[in-house]
Amino acid sequence: MAQVAIVGGGATGLATAFYLSRYAHYGRHIVKKIILLEGAEDVGGWIQTTRMPDGAVFEHGPRSLRSVGKSGINTLELAEALGLEDEILAVRRGHPVMKYRFIYMNGKRHAVPSNLMSAILPGPPFNQSLVWTLIKEVLKAGEKGLKDDTIHNFVSRRLGTNLADYAADPVVRGIFAGDIRELSIKAVAPELFEFEQKHGSIIVGGLRRKKEKLELSSDLVKKAMGEKWGIWSLKKGLKQLAEAMEKDLRKRNDVEIVTGTKCQGLTFSEGKVKVKTEKKEYTVDHVFSTIFAPNTAQLLPIEHVDLKKKLSKIQAGTVAVVNVEYNGVPMPDPGFGHLIPSKEPEKNLGVVYDSMGFPGHDRKDKKSQRFTVMLGGAWFNKLFGPPEYAKNAEIEDAALTSLRNQLGIMEDPERTILNVQKNCIPQYKLGHTKLCDDIWSYTKENKLPLSLLGCSYKGVSVNDCIYNARLEVARVFPDLFRPT
């Protein structure tokens, strides 16, 4: 019977512990003890929520989850297993928040085409008909045999520079806070890369793709599909998901959660792992490290210097998240929010219109409007200097200036909350997929009882992290795992 340690108590670490413990209780008692180590005083990682006494809820990390695809369905199944069905706030696909998104350029917000007519007629932010652009993409020969490509090169080649600069660029800034001239299309959008390699066209590849057969295995999943949910959150914010996992785990005799204690080192010997912390040393059969890749590198012994070097190559961007609440200001046109191309002389990456999507997170004593301004990412140091020396007042002023200039909100806010999230979003740069393959090959060839999980490797969303945790538990302990 195995003992395992999990380094990191974010969404990935909690999900790993959940799946290990939950499936052990189906009668396959392969895992005897699960030790989850978290350096912070609280679990949740980048899932960070502030709840005010007046009922207002502010997210400083992820703010919603998608309900589509295998990973989306998997998180819904997890929410149901945790008894969160009645806590969900869902936004249906027909809602304006799901239908309308904006690109801010040349001092104006422009709606991204959302219907056939708007796709046929050219207009800002795009300089030609999207329909004609797609027709040309089908007729253009693909560059097969590529090992990888930057997102900007790929989109420019397939769809034109205009779409690369004013569609792909702001969208990737909104998700990765990164520069598409450096990020890998194979790592960020592997399906699109494969479409060109196999079919010579992303449109043809999309049309020939076999529809993913999804098993609607739970009542909550069936409800989400039936009601056509686009995104969802929880009444107390996404931190409620992490808290529910923690609560469930603390009830279990086979799980030990240790917070406020950093892992200081990992030593491999005779198929075992010694896990050193500030206060104690554990000897376990397997370690799941879910923290940022370079931080994992620091834990490894010098004899695995090649692995340490590979893990250290993965970089991450720092994002300043500024939550702003106003009293009585007019809301902008309905929609999710607006994003800003990197060519624009603006300091922010974009703005999310929080009250549009989740009015249930507004304060209860009076009407308010909530926004989140995101700044920095790959451009953080250039704009504000290194995170350690960035001035909060300067960042907050940049956020409020953005709201004044881009949305015309001249009033003073009721309150603002600033969080500088250092190294919060890994940057999947050119060659990232090959780097990850080399990392996993090293652990396999050296028979290290070590799993590397989290947003550093294969997907930065909460859904990705939770789903990859489930897959890795199934891989390491195939006799333990039983799909729900």
Protein backbone atom coordinates (compact mmCIF):
# COMPACT_ATOMS: atom_id res chain seq x y z
CA MET A 1 0.00 0.00 0.00
CA ALA A 2 1.48 3.26 -1.17
CA GLN A 3 2.04 6.55 0.56
CA VAL A 4 2.12 9.66 -1.62
CA ALA A 5 2.95 13.33 -1.15
CA ILE A 6 1.46 16.22 -3.09
CA VAL A 7 3.44 19.44 -3.27
CA GLY A 8 1.12 22.42 -3.69
CA GLY A 9 -2.44 22.98 -2.50
CA GLY A 10 -3.90 24.81 -5.49
CA ALA A 11 -6.65 23.44 -7.71
CA THR A 12 -4.32 20.78 -9.13
CA GLY A 13 -3.02 19.57 -5.78
CA LEU A 14 -6.45 19.45 -4.21
CA ALA A 15 -7.90 17.60 -7.20
CA THR A 16 -5.03 15.11 -7.14
CA ALA A 17 -5.69 14.38 -3.47
CA PHE A 18 -9.43 14.16 -4.13
CA TYR A 19 -9.07 11.59 -6.90
CA LEU A 20 -6.49 9.54 -5.01
CA SER A 21 -8.63 9.42 -1.89
CA ARG A 22 -12.04 9.16 -3.51
CA TYR A 23 -11.19 6.16 -5.66
CA ALA A 24 -9.32 4.43 -2.85
CA HIS A 25 -12.67 4.31 -1.08
CA TYR A 26 -14.20 2.22 -3.85
CA GLY A 27 -12.55 -0.81 -2.30
CA ARG A 28 -9.14 -0.63 -3.99
CA HIS A 29 -7.04 0.37 -1.00
CA ILE A 30 -3.79 0.85 -2.88
CA VAL A 31 -3.06 4.30 -1.44
CA LYS A 32 -2.71 4.21 2.33
CA LYS A 33 -1.69 7.80 3.04
CA ILE A 34 -1.89 11.10 1.15
CA ILE A 35 0.11 14.06 2.45
CA LEU A 36 -0.67 17.43 0.85
CA LEU A 37 1.89 20.17 1.52
CA GLU A 38 1.04 23.85 0.94
CA GLY A 39 3.47 26.66 1.70
CA ALA A 40 0.76 29.29 2.17
CA GLU A 41 -1.54 29.41 5.15
CA ASP A 42 -4.53 28.65 2.94
CA VAL A 43 -5.25 26.31 0.04
CA GLY A 44 -6.50 27.37 -3.38
CA GLY A 45 -3.36 28.63 -5.11
CA TRP A 46 -4.27 31.12 -7.82
CA ILE A 47 -7.99 30.68 -7.05
CA GLN A 48 -8.37 33.72 -4.81
CA THR A 49 -11.67 35.28 -3.79
CA THR A 50 -12.49 38.20 -1.49
CA ARG A 51 -15.96 38.25 0.10
CA MET A 52 -17.19 41.51 1.58
CA PRO A 53 -19.64 41.78 4.51
CA ASP A 54 -22.15 43.49 2.17
CA GLY A 55 -22.20 40.43 -0.10
CA ALA A 56 -19.88 41.64 -2.86
CA VAL A 57 -17.56 38.98 -4.27
CA PHE A 58 -14.28 39.80 -6.03
CA GLU A 59 -12.10 37.33 -7.93
CA HIS A 60 -8.35 37.93 -8.11
CA GLY A 61 -7.56 34.91 -10.28
CA PRO A 62 -9.85 32.73 -12.40
CA ARG A 63 -13.42 34.07 -12.33
CA SER A 64 -15.45 31.51 -14.24
CA LEU A 65 -15.31 27.99 -15.66
CA ARG A 66 -16.41 26.73 -19.05
CA SER A 67 -18.78 23.76 -19.22
CA VAL A 68 -17.69 22.34 -22.60
CA GLY A 69 -15.38 19.49 -23.57
CA LYS A 70 -14.07 16.63 -21.47
CA SER A 71 -12.30 18.90 -19.01
CA GLY A 72 -15.37 21.09 -18.55
CA ILE A 73 -17.61 18.08 -17.96
CA ASN A 74 -15.05 16.63 -15.54
CA THR A 75 -15.16 19.77 -13.36
CA LEU A 76 -18.96 19.68 -13.32
CA GLU A 77 -18.78 16.07 -12.16
CA LEU A 78 -16.38 17.17 -9.42
CA ALA A 79 -18.75 19.97 -8.34
CA GLU A 80 -21.60 17.47 -8.10
CA ALA A 81 -19.48 15.01 -6.12
CA LEU A 82 -18.75 17.84 -3.68
CA GLY A 83 -22.45 18.70 -3.32
CA LEU A 84 -22.19 22.13 -4.94
CA GLU A 85 -25.15 21.83 -7.34
CA ASP A 86 -27.26 24.44 -5.53
CA GLU A 87 -24.34 26.88 -5.27
CA ILE A 88 -23.79 27.30 -9.00
CA LEU A 89 -24.33 30.57 -10.89
CA ALA A 90 -24.64 29.70 -14.59
CA VAL A 91 -24.54 31.95 -17.66
CA ARG A 92 -26.25 30.43 -20.70
CA ARG A 93 -24.74 30.59 -24.17
CA GLY A 94 -27.51 32.92 -25.44
CA HIS A 95 -26.77 35.53 -22.76
CA PRO A 96 -25.23 38.83 -23.99
CA VAL A 97 -22.13 38.08 -21.90
CA MET A 98 -21.52 34.99 -24.04
CA LYS A 99 -22.54 36.60 -27.35
CA TYR A 100 -20.73 39.95 -27.22
CA ARG A 101 -17.05 40.65 -26.72
CA PHE A 102 -15.17 43.76 -27.71
CA ILE A 103 -11.77 44.79 -29.03
CA TYR A 104 -10.56 48.25 -28.00
CA MET A 105 -8.53 50.05 -30.67
CA ASN A 106 -8.08 53.60 -31.94
CA GLY A 107 -9.92 54.95 -28.90
CA LYS A 108 -13.12 52.91 -29.46
CA ARG A 109 -14.61 49.55 -28.54
CA HIS A 110 -15.53 47.37 -31.51
CA ALA A 111 -17.79 44.34 -31.24
CA VAL A 112 -16.28 41.06 -32.42
CA PRO A 113 -18.56 39.65 -35.19
CA SER A 114 -21.16 37.40 -33.57
CA ASN A 115 -23.49 36.59 -36.49
CA LEU A 116 -23.32 35.83 -40.21
CA MET A 117 -24.07 39.37 -41.38
CA SER A 118 -21.38 40.95 -39.24
CA ALA A 119 -18.93 38.30 -40.46
CA ILE A 120 -19.75 39.05 -44.11
CA LEU A 121 -19.41 42.82 -43.92
CA PRO A 122 -15.90 44.18 -43.27
CA GLY A 123 -15.48 46.60 -40.40
CA PRO A 124 -13.21 47.41 -37.50
CA PRO A 125 -11.34 45.82 -35.92
CA PHE A 126 -10.98 43.78 -39.14
CA ASN A 127 -10.14 45.24 -42.52
CA GLN A 128 -11.93 42.64 -44.63
CA SER A 129 -14.86 40.24 -44.53
CA LEU A 130 -14.22 37.32 -42.18
CA VAL A 131 -16.13 35.04 -44.54
CA TRP A 132 -13.78 35.94 -47.42
CA THR A 133 -10.78 35.45 -45.10
CA LEU A 134 -11.97 31.93 -44.27
CA ILE A 135 -12.54 31.09 -47.93
CA LYS A 136 -8.98 32.14 -48.74
CA GLU A 137 -7.68 30.03 -45.85
CA VAL A 138 -9.24 26.90 -47.37
CA LEU A 139 -7.66 27.61 -50.75
CA LYS A 140 -4.20 28.30 -49.34
CA ALA A 141 -1.76 25.39 -49.14
CA GLY A 142 -0.58 24.44 -45.69
CA GLU A 143 3.04 24.26 -44.55
CA LYS A 144 3.26 20.66 -43.51
CA GLY A 145 6.23 19.19 -41.68
CA LEU A 146 6.61 22.06 -39.20
CA LYS A 147 7.86 21.16 -35.73
CA ASP A 148 6.25 24.24 -34.19
CA ASP A 149 5.45 27.87 -34.94
CA THR A 150 4.65 31.05 -33.08
CA ILE A 151 0.97 31.96 -32.86
CA HIS A 152 1.58 35.20 -34.76
CA ASN A 153 3.34 33.43 -37.66
CA PHE A 154 0.71 30.71 -37.80
CA VAL A 155 -2.33 33.01 -37.78
CA SER A 156 -0.69 35.49 -40.17
CA ARG A 157 0.07 32.67 -42.60
CA ARG A 158 -3.37 31.08 -42.43
CA LEU A 159 -5.68 34.07 -41.86
CA GLY A 160 -3.66 37.21 -42.47
CA THR A 161 -1.73 39.69 -40.35
CA ASN A 162 -4.84 41.75 -39.55
CA LEU A 163 -6.49 38.83 -37.73
CA ALA A 164 -3.21 37.96 -36.04
CA ASP A 165 -2.84 41.52 -34.70
CA TYR A 166 -6.47 42.26 -33.83
CA ALA A 167 -8.01 38.88 -33.02
CA ALA A 168 -5.41 36.32 -31.95
CA ASP A 169 -3.23 38.90 -30.18
CA PRO A 170 -5.86 40.32 -27.78
CA VAL A 171 -7.48 36.92 -27.16
CA VAL A 172 -4.16 35.34 -26.15
CA ARG A 173 -3.36 38.39 -24.02
CA GLY A 174 -6.67 37.81 -22.25
CA ILE A 175 -5.95 34.11 -21.56
CA PHE A 176 -2.16 33.87 -21.24
CA ALA A 177 -1.23 37.55 -20.75
CA GLY A 178 1.43 36.68 -23.30
CA ASP A 179 2.98 37.82 -26.56
CA ILE A 180 1.86 35.78 -29.57
CA ARG A 181 5.16 36.57 -31.28
CA GLU A 182 6.81 34.30 -28.70
CA LEU A 183 4.12 31.78 -27.72
CA SER A 184 3.78 28.38 -29.39
CA ILE A 185 0.72 27.52 -31.48
CA LYS A 186 1.41 23.82 -30.90
CA ALA A 187 1.30 24.26 -27.13
CA VAL A 188 -1.47 26.87 -26.87
CA ALA A 189 -3.79 25.59 -29.62
CA PRO A 190 -2.58 22.08 -30.53
CA GLU A 191 -5.74 21.23 -32.43
CA LEU A 192 -5.29 24.12 -34.88
CA PHE A 193 -1.66 23.13 -35.42
CA GLU A 194 -2.67 19.55 -36.20
CA PHE A 195 -5.41 20.70 -38.58
CA GLU A 196 -2.82 22.35 -40.82
CA GLN A 197 -0.37 19.46 -40.54
CA LYS A 198 -2.94 16.79 -41.38
CA HIS A 199 -5.35 18.62 -43.69
CA GLY A 200 -3.44 21.67 -44.95
CA SER A 201 -6.17 23.97 -43.61
CA ILE A 202 -7.62 24.80 -40.22
CA ILE A 203 -11.11 25.15 -41.74
CA VAL A 204 -10.96 21.79 -43.53
CA GLY A 205 -9.52 20.20 -40.41
CA GLY A 206 -12.33 21.60 -38.31
CA LEU A 207 -14.97 20.32 -40.73
CA ARG A 208 -13.40 16.84 -40.87
CA ARG A 209 -12.89 16.58 -37.16
CA LYS A 210 -14.87 13.83 -35.58
CA LYS A 211 -17.31 15.21 -33.08
CA GLU A 212 -16.16 14.44 -29.58
CA LYS A 213 -18.42 11.84 -28.03
CA LEU A 214 -19.09 13.01 -24.52
CA GLU A 215 -20.70 10.85 -21.90
CA LEU A 216 -23.25 12.81 -19.87
CA SER A 217 -22.60 10.83 -16.73
CA SER A 218 -24.17 13.00 -14.04
CA ASP A 219 -27.34 14.96 -13.42
CA LEU A 220 -25.43 18.24 -13.20
CA VAL A 221 -23.73 17.64 -16.52
CA LYS A 222 -27.07 16.82 -18.14
CA LYS A 223 -28.54 20.00 -16.71
CA ALA A 224 -25.63 22.10 -17.97
CA MET A 225 -25.90 20.61 -21.46
CA GLY A 226 -29.69 20.89 -21.51
CA GLU A 227 -29.70 24.51 -20.40
CA LYS A 228 -26.70 25.30 -22.65
CA TRP A 229 -24.43 26.77 -20.02
CA GLY A 230 -21.57 28.83 -21.36
CA ILE A 231 -19.70 29.63 -18.14
CA TRP A 232 -20.39 29.18 -14.46
CA SER A 233 -19.18 30.23 -11.05
CA LEU A 234 -20.30 29.69 -7.47
CA LYS A 235 -22.31 31.91 -5.15
CA LYS A 236 -19.31 32.55 -2.92
CA GLY A 237 -16.83 32.73 -5.79
CA LEU A 238 -14.54 30.08 -7.24
CA LYS A 239 -12.65 29.79 -3.95
CA GLN A 240 -15.73 27.88 -2.82
CA LEU A 241 -14.64 25.01 -5.10
CA ALA A 242 -11.22 24.81 -3.44
CA GLU A 243 -12.81 25.07 0.02
CA ALA A 244 -15.24 22.26 -0.81
CA MET A 245 -12.38 20.00 -1.87
CA GLU A 246 -10.45 20.84 1.30
CA LYS A 247 -13.50 20.15 3.48
CA ASP A 248 -14.08 16.82 1.79
CA LEU A 249 -10.42 15.81 2.17
CA ARG A 250 -10.17 16.78 5.83
CA LYS A 251 -12.94 14.29 6.61
CA ARG A 252 -10.82 11.42 5.32
CA ASN A 253 -8.47 9.45 7.56
CA ASP A 254 -6.07 8.78 4.72
CA VAL A 255 -5.43 12.47 3.95
CA GLU A 256 -3.19 14.88 5.86
CA ILE A 257 -3.26 18.53 4.75
CA VAL A 258 -0.33 20.58 6.01
CA THR A 259 -0.52 24.33 5.32
CA GLY A 260 2.01 27.02 6.12
CA THR A 261 4.81 24.53 5.47
CA LYS A 262 6.97 24.71 2.36
CA CYS A 263 8.59 21.71 0.80
CA GLN A 264 12.38 22.23 0.90
CA GLY A 265 13.72 19.28 -1.04
CA LEU A 266 13.12 15.92 -2.71
CA THR A 267 15.59 13.03 -2.55
CA PHE A 268 15.15 9.82 -4.57
CA SER A 269 16.55 6.53 -3.30
CA GLU A 270 15.64 2.88 -3.98
CA GLY A 271 12.24 3.70 -5.40
CA LYS A 272 11.29 5.94 -2.50
CA VAL A 273 11.18 9.73 -2.13
CA LYS A 274 12.26 11.65 0.95
CA VAL A 275 10.26 14.85 1.17
CA LYS A 276 11.90 17.45 3.37
CA THR A 277 9.89 20.30 4.89
CA GLU A 278 10.73 23.03 7.39
CA LYS A 279 9.49 20.89 10.27
CA LYS A 280 9.46 17.27 9.20
CA GLU A 281 10.70 14.69 6.70
CA TYR A 282 8.36 12.24 4.99
CA THR A 283 9.28 9.06 3.13
CA VAL A 284 6.75 8.24 0.41
CA ASP A 285 6.40 6.04 -2.66
CA HIS A 286 5.41 8.78 -5.11
CA VAL A 287 5.34 12.58 -5.30
CA PHE A 288 2.96 14.73 -7.32
CA SER A 289 4.49 18.20 -7.70
CA THR A 290 1.86 20.73 -8.76
CA ILE A 291 3.81 23.95 -8.20
CA PHE A 292 5.43 26.21 -10.82
CA ALA A 293 8.05 24.24 -12.79
CA PRO A 294 11.13 26.33 -11.78
CA ASN A 295 10.07 25.99 -8.13
CA THR A 296 9.98 22.22 -8.56
CA ALA A 297 13.47 22.45 -10.09
CA GLN A 298 14.75 24.01 -6.87
CA LEU A 299 13.57 20.99 -4.88
CA LEU A 300 15.45 18.42 -6.95
CA PRO A 301 18.90 17.08 -5.96
CA ILE A 302 21.95 18.07 -7.97
CA GLU A 303 22.31 14.62 -9.59
CA HIS A 304 19.23 15.50 -11.66
CA VAL A 305 20.73 18.73 -12.95
CA ASP A 306 19.48 18.07 -16.51
CA LEU A 307 15.89 17.91 -15.28
CA LYS A 308 16.43 20.98 -13.11
CA LYS A 309 17.64 22.92 -16.18
CA LYS A 310 14.69 21.83 -18.30
CA LEU A 311 12.13 22.78 -15.66
CA SER A 312 13.82 26.14 -15.14
CA LYS A 313 13.33 27.05 -18.81
CA ILE A 314 9.58 27.42 -18.31
CA GLN A 315 8.77 31.08 -17.66
CA ALA A 316 5.66 32.82 -16.37
CA GLY A 317 4.05 36.24 -16.62
CA THR A 318 3.08 38.57 -13.78
CA VAL A 319 -0.38 40.11 -13.91
CA ALA A 320 -1.74 42.98 -11.85
CA VAL A 321 -5.42 42.34 -11.14
CA VAL A 322 -7.37 45.43 -10.07
CA ASN A 323 -10.97 44.92 -8.93
CA VAL A 324 -12.96 48.15 -9.08
CA GLU A 325 -16.48 48.77 -7.76
CA TYR A 326 -18.62 51.81 -8.56
CA ASN A 327 -21.92 53.06 -7.24
CA GLY A 328 -24.54 53.99 -9.81
CA VAL A 329 -22.43 54.41 -12.95
CA PRO A 330 -24.04 53.46 -16.29
CA MET A 331 -22.88 50.08 -17.56
CA PRO A 332 -21.30 49.76 -21.01
CA ASP A 333 -22.93 47.84 -23.85
CA PRO A 334 -23.80 44.31 -22.68
CA GLY A 335 -20.96 41.86 -23.07
CA PHE A 336 -18.22 39.91 -21.33
CA GLY A 337 -15.65 42.70 -21.56
CA HIS A 338 -13.04 44.11 -23.89
CA LEU A 339 -9.49 43.14 -24.79
CA ILE A 340 -6.71 45.31 -26.14
CA PRO A 341 -4.24 44.44 -28.92
CA SER A 342 -0.59 44.86 -27.96
CA LYS A 343 -0.15 47.43 -30.74
CA GLU A 344 -2.40 49.87 -28.87
CA PRO A 345 -0.72 52.39 -26.50
CA GLU A 346 -2.70 51.19 -23.47
CA LYS A 347 -1.25 49.85 -20.23
CA ASN A 348 -3.97 47.29 -19.58
CA LEU A 349 -4.59 43.94 -21.21
CA GLY A 350 -8.35 44.28 -20.97
CA VAL A 351 -11.38 44.80 -18.75
CA VAL A 352 -13.97 42.26 -17.58
CA TYR A 353 -17.50 43.58 -16.93
CA ASP A 354 -18.05 41.44 -13.84
CA SER A 355 -21.53 42.64 -12.93
CA MET A 356 -22.79 41.71 -16.40
CA GLY A 357 -21.97 38.04 -16.06
CA PHE A 358 -22.47 37.46 -12.35
CA PRO A 359 -24.79 40.06 -10.81
CA GLY A 360 -25.18 37.59 -7.94
CA HIS A 361 -21.72 38.71 -6.82
CA ASP A 362 -22.75 42.35 -6.50
CA ARG A 363 -23.21 43.88 -3.07
CA LYS A 364 -26.67 43.39 -1.53
CA ASP A 365 -27.24 46.69 0.27
CA LYS A 366 -27.30 48.88 -2.86
CA LYS A 367 -26.76 48.78 -6.59
CA SER A 368 -23.13 48.54 -7.67
CA GLN A 369 -21.11 47.83 -10.78
CA ARG A 370 -17.95 45.70 -10.65
CA PHE A 371 -15.10 45.57 -13.16
CA THR A 372 -11.73 43.85 -13.24
CA VAL A 373 -8.78 45.50 -15.00
CA MET A 374 -5.83 43.28 -15.93
CA LEU A 375 -2.40 44.81 -16.53
CA GLY A 376 1.11 43.63 -17.28
CA GLY A 377 1.64 40.03 -18.31
CA ALA A 378 4.57 39.75 -20.73
CA TRP A 379 4.83 43.56 -20.59
CA PHE A 380 4.76 43.97 -16.78
CA ASN A 381 8.44 44.84 -16.24
CA LYS A 382 8.44 47.27 -19.14
CA LEU A 383 5.41 49.10 -17.76
CA PHE A 384 5.94 48.95 -14.01
CA GLY A 385 9.40 47.53 -13.35
CA PRO A 386 10.14 44.22 -11.57
CA PRO A 387 7.17 43.06 -9.44
CA GLU A 388 9.20 43.44 -6.23
CA TYR A 389 9.62 47.16 -6.89
CA ALA A 390 6.37 47.99 -8.68
CA LYS A 391 4.44 50.84 -7.07
CA ASN A 392 0.86 49.95 -6.17
CA ALA A 393 -0.32 53.53 -6.58
CA GLU A 394 1.03 53.65 -10.13
CA ILE A 395 -0.69 50.38 -11.07
CA GLU A 396 -4.00 51.45 -9.53
CA ASP A 397 -3.85 54.79 -11.29
CA ALA A 398 -3.24 53.01 -14.61
CA ALA A 399 -6.29 50.82 -14.01
CA LEU A 400 -8.60 53.73 -13.20
CA THR A 401 -7.24 55.71 -16.14
CA SER A 402 -8.09 52.76 -18.37
CA LEU A 403 -11.68 52.73 -17.13
CA ARG A 404 -12.00 56.49 -17.67
CA ASN A 405 -10.57 56.46 -21.18
CA GLN A 406 -12.03 53.20 -22.42
CA LEU A 407 -15.46 53.19 -20.76
CA GLY A 408 -15.97 56.85 -19.91
CA ILE A 409 -16.33 56.22 -16.17
CA MET A 410 -15.34 59.51 -14.57
CA GLU A 411 -16.69 58.88 -11.05
CA ASP A 412 -14.47 57.87 -8.16
CA PRO A 413 -14.79 54.18 -7.28
CA GLU A 414 -16.44 52.91 -4.12
CA ARG A 415 -13.47 50.60 -3.58
CA THR A 416 -10.54 49.05 -5.36
CA ILE A 417 -8.57 45.90 -4.61
CA LEU A 418 -5.12 45.40 -6.12
CA ASN A 419 -3.24 42.11 -6.33
CA VAL A 420 0.05 41.72 -8.16
CA GLN A 421 0.11 38.03 -9.08
CA LYS A 422 3.77 37.22 -9.64
CA ASN A 423 4.51 34.40 -12.10
CA CYS A 424 0.85 33.43 -12.21
CA ILE A 425 0.50 32.36 -15.86
CA PRO A 426 3.16 30.13 -17.46
CA GLN A 427 4.22 31.20 -20.95
CA TYR A 428 4.18 28.35 -23.45
CA LYS A 429 6.91 29.69 -25.70
CA LEU A 430 8.12 28.25 -29.00
CA GLY A 431 9.30 24.69 -28.40
CA HIS A 432 7.27 24.24 -25.20
CA THR A 433 5.72 20.93 -26.28
CA LYS A 434 9.14 19.45 -27.07
CA LEU A 435 10.49 20.72 -23.75
CA CYS A 436 7.63 19.04 -21.85
CA ASP A 437 8.16 15.80 -23.77
CA ASP A 438 11.84 15.89 -22.79
CA ILE A 439 10.91 16.52 -19.15
CA TRP A 440 8.49 13.59 -18.99
CA SER A 441 10.93 11.35 -20.88
CA TYR A 442 13.60 12.14 -18.28
CA THR A 443 11.37 11.13 -15.37
CA LYS A 444 10.40 7.93 -17.17
CA GLU A 445 13.91 6.93 -18.25
CA ASN A 446 15.28 7.59 -14.77
CA LYS A 447 12.32 5.80 -13.17
CA LEU A 448 11.61 8.74 -10.89
CA PRO A 449 8.49 8.30 -8.75
CA LEU A 450 7.58 11.87 -9.63
CA SER A 451 4.56 13.34 -11.44
CA LEU A 452 4.70 16.90 -12.74
CA LEU A 453 1.33 18.60 -12.85
CA GLY A 454 -0.20 22.07 -12.84
CA CYS A 455 -0.46 24.92 -15.30
CA SER A 456 3.25 24.88 -16.18
CA TYR A 457 2.87 22.09 -18.69
CA LYS A 458 -0.37 21.40 -20.51
CA GLY A 459 -3.17 23.93 -20.10
CA VAL A 460 -3.50 26.94 -17.81
CA SER A 461 -7.23 26.82 -17.07
CA VAL A 462 -8.71 25.43 -13.86
CA ASN A 463 -10.55 22.82 -15.95
CA ASP A 464 -7.29 21.70 -17.56
CA CYS A 465 -5.49 21.45 -14.23
CA ILE A 466 -8.22 19.39 -12.59
CA TYR A 467 -8.67 17.09 -15.58
CA ASN A 468 -4.93 16.50 -15.98
CA ALA A 469 -4.74 15.63 -12.28
CA ARG A 470 -7.38 12.98 -12.80
CA LEU A 471 -5.58 11.55 -15.83
CA GLU A 472 -2.25 11.41 -13.97
CA VAL A 473 -3.78 9.63 -10.97
CA ALA A 474 -5.19 7.07 -13.42
CA ARG A 475 -1.78 6.68 -15.09
CA VAL A 476 0.22 6.23 -11.89
CA PHE A 477 -2.31 4.00 -10.15
CA PRO A 478 -4.28 2.31 -12.95
CA ASP A 479 -5.70 -0.31 -10.62
CA LEU A 480 -6.99 2.39 -8.29
CA PHE A 481 -8.89 4.58 -10.67
CA ARG A 482 -12.49 3.93 -11.63
CA PRO A 483 -14.14 6.50 -13.91
CA THR A 484 -17.36 7.92 -12.58
